[in-house]
Amino acid sequence: MDKKEIEKLINSLDQEQKSKLMNALANKSEAERILRTPEAQAIMKKLKGEK
């Protein structure tokens, strides 16, 4: 997934979802907590083409 695809995905969110995502990513400790979840790990593997 390239930068344009990610931007398109983010822009497809409604304003509330987009705001929550951007706030979470702006907070380093919150972003790290989210990225350690099993769901986020599975999404990252899928994006990288891993099984």
Protein backbone atom coordinates (compact mmCIF):
# COMPACT_ATOMS: atom_id res chain seq x y z
CA MET A 1 0.00 0.00 0.00
CA ASP A 2 1.49 3.32 -1.00
CA LYS A 3 1.08 6.79 0.48
CA LYS A 4 -1.70 7.77 -1.94
CA GLU A 5 -3.73 4.67 -1.03
CA ILE A 6 -3.32 5.40 2.69
CA GLU A 7 -4.37 9.02 2.19
CA LYS A 8 -7.42 7.87 0.21
CA LEU A 9 -8.36 5.47 3.01
CA ILE A 10 -7.97 8.16 5.68
CA ASN A 11 -9.98 10.63 3.63
CA SER A 12 -12.79 8.09 3.26
CA LEU A 13 -13.35 8.15 7.04
CA ASP A 14 -16.06 10.37 8.42
CA GLN A 15 -14.84 13.49 10.23
CA GLU A 16 -15.18 11.98 13.73
CA GLN A 17 -13.26 8.81 12.81
CA LYS A 18 -10.59 10.81 11.02
CA SER A 19 -10.19 13.13 14.02
CA LYS A 20 -9.86 10.19 16.44
CA LEU A 21 -7.27 8.50 14.21
CA MET A 22 -5.20 11.65 13.77
CA ASN A 23 -5.30 12.40 17.52
CA ALA A 24 -4.24 8.85 18.38
CA LEU A 25 -1.37 8.94 15.89
CA ALA A 26 -0.21 12.34 17.15
CA ASN A 27 0.17 10.92 20.67
CA LYS A 28 3.26 8.67 20.56
CA SER A 29 2.35 6.48 23.54
CA GLU A 30 -1.22 6.01 22.28
CA ALA A 31 0.00 5.18 18.77
CA GLU A 32 2.45 2.61 20.16
CA ARG A 33 -0.29 1.06 22.31
CA ILE A 34 -2.61 0.76 19.32
CA LEU A 35 0.10 -0.67 17.06
CA ARG A 36 0.87 -3.41 19.59
CA THR A 37 -2.70 -4.78 19.48
CA PRO A 38 -3.24 -8.12 17.73
CA GLU A 39 -5.63 -6.43 15.28
CA ALA A 40 -3.05 -3.82 14.25
CA GLN A 41 -0.35 -6.49 13.96
CA ALA A 42 -2.61 -8.55 11.66
CA ILE A 43 -3.34 -5.50 9.48
CA MET A 44 0.36 -4.66 9.22
CA LYS A 45 1.18 -8.25 8.18
CA LYS A 46 -1.55 -8.13 5.55
CA LEU A 47 -0.28 -4.80 4.21
CA LYS A 48 3.24 -6.23 3.97
CA GLY A 49 1.94 -9.30 2.12
CA GLU A 50 2.81 -11.69 4.94
CA LYS A 51 0.58 -14.56 5.98
